[in-house]
Amino acid sequence: MTSRKQRIDSITAHVEVMQAALHNIAPPAHIPLTEADAPFWANIIAEKAKAEWTAHDLEIAAMLAQSLRKLRDEESKLDIEGSVVARQGGNAVQNPRCRIVADLHSRAMKYRQTLGIHSRGKDGEKRDVDKRRSQAFAVEQDNPLDDDLLARPTVN
């Protein structure tokens, strides 16, 4: 029988979240990350509260960080080489690196889905996203702060 997740509005859950927030989350030792992977790791870990990360999630997050770094590196090379290259005989063909980039992109998307940090996992159903977005656009269009007559509110 699996245990249920603690309700976030309970005192116990608040204590667990506060305790987890005090610790830095490090990548698993068995999936070593390079210095170049570190910015990707930091951004991925910031996607969820520290208390939500499981050991398996951290493994997937490390693999995602590696994939995103490799994707960036391969795309940089592709920018230099171009999408079309010439063979020895002079025939133009698609650069094989295009396939590598596509595979790395696909892998990264699957890792994000597994972690629940893809768009739908984070923001909910499209209709809800569209509703929030249209409300935000309306506020931007009729922003009373544009004329500098009101004090600017701050968010803590």
Protein backbone atom coordinates (compact mmCIF):
# COMPACT_ATOMS: atom_id res chain seq x y z
CA MET A 1 0.00 0.00 0.00
CA THR A 2 1.43 3.38 -1.00
CA SER A 3 1.42 6.25 1.42
CA ARG A 4 -0.49 9.35 0.49
CA LYS A 5 1.20 12.68 0.07
CA GLN A 6 0.94 15.00 3.04
CA ARG A 7 -1.53 17.85 2.50
CA ILE A 8 0.36 21.08 1.93
CA ASP A 9 -1.96 23.01 4.25
CA SER A 10 -1.01 20.86 7.26
CA ILE A 11 1.49 21.91 9.91
CA THR A 12 3.52 18.76 9.25
CA ALA A 13 3.82 19.63 5.55
CA HIS A 14 4.85 23.19 6.37
CA VAL A 15 7.61 21.91 8.66
CA GLU A 16 8.82 19.45 5.99
CA VAL A 17 8.91 22.21 3.37
CA MET A 18 10.77 24.57 5.71
CA GLN A 19 13.33 21.88 6.57
CA ALA A 20 13.87 20.96 2.91
CA ALA A 21 14.29 24.63 1.97
CA LEU A 22 17.38 24.86 4.21
CA HIS A 23 19.34 22.36 2.10
CA ASN A 24 20.94 22.74 -1.30
CA ILE A 25 19.99 20.03 -3.73
CA ALA A 26 23.02 18.37 -5.29
CA PRO A 27 23.01 16.14 -8.34
CA PRO A 28 23.30 12.40 -7.68
CA ALA A 29 26.91 11.24 -7.38
CA HIS A 30 26.35 8.44 -9.91
CA ILE A 31 25.35 10.95 -12.62
CA PRO A 32 28.28 13.37 -12.65
CA LEU A 33 27.61 16.80 -14.09
CA THR A 34 30.19 19.06 -15.66
CA GLU A 35 30.63 22.72 -14.84
CA ALA A 36 28.86 23.49 -18.11
CA ASP A 37 25.82 21.49 -16.90
CA ALA A 38 25.52 23.52 -13.67
CA PRO A 39 23.38 26.42 -14.99
CA PHE A 40 20.93 23.96 -16.50
CA TRP A 41 20.83 21.98 -13.24
CA ALA A 42 20.11 25.13 -11.22
CA ASN A 43 17.24 26.16 -13.50
CA ILE A 44 15.72 22.68 -13.47
CA ILE A 45 15.87 22.38 -9.68
CA ALA A 46 14.23 25.80 -9.33
CA GLU A 47 11.16 24.48 -11.19
CA LYS A 48 9.82 22.67 -8.11
CA ALA A 49 9.89 23.18 -4.36
CA LYS A 50 12.86 21.45 -2.75
CA ALA A 51 10.56 19.22 -0.72
CA GLU A 52 9.04 17.79 -3.92
CA TRP A 53 12.25 16.31 -5.33
CA THR A 54 12.68 12.54 -4.98
CA ALA A 55 15.89 10.60 -5.58
CA HIS A 56 14.58 9.38 -8.93
CA ASP A 57 13.50 12.91 -9.91
CA LEU A 58 17.05 14.10 -9.22
CA GLU A 59 18.43 11.41 -11.54
CA ILE A 60 16.11 12.53 -14.32
CA ALA A 61 16.93 16.19 -13.58
CA ALA A 62 20.66 15.43 -13.91
CA MET A 63 20.10 13.67 -17.22
CA LEU A 64 17.98 16.62 -18.38
CA ALA A 65 20.74 19.06 -17.46
CA GLN A 66 23.25 17.00 -19.46
CA SER A 67 20.87 16.80 -22.42
CA LEU A 68 20.21 20.55 -22.44
CA ARG A 69 23.94 21.31 -22.34
CA LYS A 70 24.62 18.84 -25.16
CA LEU A 71 21.71 20.31 -27.14
CA ARG A 72 23.15 23.82 -26.73
CA ASP A 73 26.60 22.61 -27.81
CA GLU A 74 25.31 20.72 -30.84
CA GLU A 75 23.13 23.64 -31.94
CA SER A 76 26.15 25.95 -31.72
CA LYS A 77 28.10 23.61 -33.99
CA LEU A 78 25.13 23.35 -36.35
CA ASP A 79 24.95 27.15 -36.57
CA ILE A 80 28.57 27.17 -37.77
CA GLU A 81 28.30 24.17 -40.12
CA GLY A 82 24.85 24.89 -41.52
CA SER A 83 21.93 22.51 -42.01
CA VAL A 84 23.13 21.42 -45.44
CA VAL A 85 26.63 20.09 -46.08
CA ALA A 86 28.41 18.84 -49.19
CA ARG A 87 29.60 15.25 -49.51
CA GLN A 88 32.95 14.37 -51.06
CA GLY A 89 31.34 14.17 -54.50
CA GLY A 90 29.83 17.62 -54.07
CA ASN A 91 26.25 16.46 -53.46
CA ALA A 92 24.38 18.54 -50.88
CA VAL A 93 22.87 16.56 -47.99
CA GLN A 94 21.32 17.33 -44.66
CA ASN A 95 23.92 17.77 -41.95
CA PRO A 96 23.89 14.60 -39.77
CA ARG A 97 24.07 16.92 -36.77
CA CYS A 98 20.43 17.92 -37.49
CA ARG A 99 19.37 14.43 -36.40
CA ILE A 100 21.50 14.64 -33.25
CA VAL A 101 19.89 17.99 -32.36
CA ALA A 102 16.40 16.57 -32.96
CA ASP A 103 17.14 13.52 -30.80
CA LEU A 104 18.53 15.65 -27.94
CA HIS A 105 15.52 17.96 -28.13
CA SER A 106 13.13 15.01 -28.00
CA ARG A 107 15.01 13.51 -25.06
CA ALA A 108 14.89 16.80 -23.14
CA MET A 109 11.15 17.13 -23.73
CA LYS A 110 10.53 13.60 -22.45
CA TYR A 111 12.60 14.26 -19.33
CA ARG A 112 10.59 17.45 -18.68
CA GLN A 113 7.35 15.50 -19.02
CA THR A 114 8.60 12.83 -16.63
CA LEU A 115 9.43 15.51 -14.07
CA GLY A 116 6.10 17.28 -14.58
CA ILE A 117 7.80 20.58 -15.43
CA HIS A 118 6.42 20.86 -18.94
CA SER A 119 3.83 23.50 -19.81
CA ARG A 120 0.70 21.52 -19.03
CA GLY A 121 2.21 20.05 -15.87
CA LYS A 122 3.06 23.51 -14.56
CA ASP A 123 0.23 25.67 -15.86
CA GLY A 124 -2.72 23.31 -16.23
CA GLU A 125 -5.19 22.93 -19.06
CA LYS A 126 -4.94 25.18 -22.13
CA ARG A 127 -8.31 26.80 -21.46
CA ASP A 128 -7.13 27.88 -17.99
CA VAL A 129 -3.83 29.18 -19.39
CA ASP A 130 -5.69 31.11 -22.10
CA LYS A 131 -8.00 32.66 -19.50
CA ARG A 132 -5.10 33.77 -17.26
CA ARG A 133 -3.18 35.06 -20.27
CA SER A 134 -6.10 37.12 -21.59
CA GLN A 135 -6.63 38.62 -18.13
CA ALA A 136 -2.93 39.49 -17.89
CA PHE A 137 -3.01 41.12 -21.34
CA ALA A 138 -6.04 43.17 -20.27
CA VAL A 139 -4.19 44.41 -17.20
CA GLU A 140 -1.14 45.27 -19.31
CA GLN A 141 -3.27 47.23 -21.79
CA ASP A 142 -5.06 49.27 -19.11
CA ASN A 143 -2.24 49.64 -16.59
CA PRO A 144 -2.89 52.50 -14.14
CA LEU A 145 0.82 52.59 -13.32
CA ASP A 146 1.67 53.83 -16.83
CA ASP A 147 0.97 57.47 -15.95
CA ASP A 148 3.15 57.48 -12.77
CA LEU A 149 0.31 58.99 -10.71
CA LEU A 150 0.08 55.97 -8.38
CA ALA A 151 2.74 54.47 -6.16
CA ARG A 152 4.12 51.28 -7.63
CA PRO A 153 3.14 48.21 -5.62
CA THR A 154 5.74 45.63 -4.69
CA VAL A 155 5.44 41.88 -4.45
CA ASN A 156 7.22 40.15 -1.60
